[in-house]
Amino acid sequence: MTTGSDDRQSIELHQLGMKLKFTYSIVGLFLGLFCIVVGAFLGLYGVTGHTSFTDSLLGLSTQSNDAISGLVVFVVGIFMVFITRLKLEK
């Protein structure tokens, strides 16, 4: 049998976890958005570089040699937003 104090501590711990999860999501969203904007800016103004990009996920793979630096930063930003999005469970 649990006491009221144990229940209150459990609720407080859950609330703290949700606040930290929300903070993590917001930071990831802003960093990802920053990468997307910088990548778009670099791509639109034609900044180039010698970049090799290879990725494989769920059996699908992509490879790009001499990719535009802005494209790589843009893709990293999208990936960051996707990975750090907030997922709520009931």
Protein backbone atom coordinates (compact mmCIF):
# COMPACT_ATOMS: atom_id res chain seq x y z
CA MET A 1 0.00 0.00 0.00
CA THR A 2 1.39 3.37 -0.98
CA THR A 3 1.07 6.48 1.06
CA GLY A 4 0.01 9.91 -0.09
CA SER A 5 3.62 11.09 0.12
CA ASP A 6 4.75 8.40 -2.35
CA ASP A 7 1.97 9.35 -4.77
CA ARG A 8 2.88 13.04 -4.55
CA GLN A 9 6.57 12.29 -5.19
CA SER A 10 5.64 10.14 -8.17
CA ILE A 11 3.50 12.92 -9.64
CA GLU A 12 6.25 15.51 -9.06
CA LEU A 13 8.80 13.24 -10.72
CA HIS A 14 6.49 12.73 -13.70
CA GLN A 15 5.95 16.50 -14.01
CA LEU A 16 9.71 17.12 -13.90
CA GLY A 17 10.24 14.49 -16.60
CA MET A 18 7.61 16.13 -18.81
CA LYS A 19 9.20 19.57 -18.32
CA LEU A 20 12.63 18.23 -19.28
CA LYS A 21 11.19 16.39 -22.29
CA PHE A 22 9.48 19.60 -23.41
CA THR A 23 12.70 21.60 -22.97
CA TYR A 24 14.64 19.00 -24.99
CA SER A 25 12.04 19.21 -27.75
CA ILE A 26 12.08 23.02 -27.88
CA VAL A 27 15.89 23.18 -27.99
CA GLY A 28 15.96 20.59 -30.78
CA LEU A 29 13.28 22.49 -32.69
CA PHE A 30 15.16 25.79 -32.54
CA LEU A 31 18.54 24.24 -33.40
CA GLY A 32 16.95 22.34 -36.27
CA LEU A 33 15.18 25.46 -37.50
CA PHE A 34 18.47 27.36 -37.32
CA CYS A 35 20.19 24.66 -39.41
CA ILE A 36 17.35 24.71 -41.95
CA VAL A 37 17.53 28.50 -42.33
CA VAL A 38 21.34 28.52 -42.57
CA GLY A 39 21.27 25.63 -45.06
CA ALA A 40 18.69 27.41 -47.22
CA PHE A 41 20.71 30.63 -47.05
CA LEU A 42 23.92 28.84 -48.08
CA GLY A 43 22.13 27.03 -50.88
CA LEU A 44 20.42 30.12 -52.27
CA TYR A 45 23.63 32.12 -52.31
CA GLY A 46 25.57 29.34 -54.01
CA VAL A 47 28.10 28.55 -51.32
CA THR A 48 29.73 25.32 -52.42
CA GLY A 49 32.18 22.93 -50.92
CA HIS A 50 33.47 19.44 -51.35
CA THR A 51 31.21 17.28 -49.23
CA SER A 52 30.46 13.59 -49.41
CA PHE A 53 27.15 12.47 -47.95
CA THR A 54 26.14 8.83 -47.49
CA ASP A 55 23.14 7.60 -45.53
CA SER A 56 21.28 4.34 -45.10
CA LEU A 57 18.00 3.85 -43.25
CA LEU A 58 15.61 0.90 -43.30
CA GLY A 59 17.19 -0.61 -46.40
CA LEU A 60 17.14 2.67 -48.33
CA SER A 61 20.42 4.41 -49.02
CA THR A 62 21.55 7.63 -50.60
CA GLN A 63 24.96 8.89 -51.60
CA SER A 64 25.97 12.32 -52.84
CA ASN A 65 29.48 13.43 -53.70
CA ASP A 66 30.33 17.11 -53.89
CA ALA A 67 26.99 18.02 -52.37
CA ILE A 68 26.18 21.64 -51.74
CA SER A 69 27.15 22.46 -48.16
CA GLY A 70 23.81 24.18 -47.61
CA LEU A 71 21.97 21.01 -48.58
CA VAL A 72 23.84 18.99 -45.98
CA VAL A 73 23.10 21.56 -43.25
CA PHE A 74 19.46 21.70 -44.39
CA VAL A 75 19.08 17.90 -44.18
CA VAL A 76 20.74 17.84 -40.75
CA GLY A 77 18.23 20.47 -39.57
CA ILE A 78 15.25 18.46 -40.81
CA PHE A 79 16.66 15.33 -39.18
CA MET A 80 17.16 17.20 -35.91
CA VAL A 81 13.58 18.52 -35.85
CA PHE A 82 12.23 15.05 -36.66
CA ILE A 83 14.26 13.25 -33.98
CA THR A 84 13.62 15.72 -31.13
CA ARG A 85 9.88 16.22 -31.67
CA LEU A 86 7.73 15.87 -28.57
CA LYS A 87 5.86 12.58 -28.28
CA LEU A 88 3.12 12.45 -25.68
CA GLU A 89 1.71 9.21 -24.34
CA LYS A 90 -1.46 8.61 -22.39
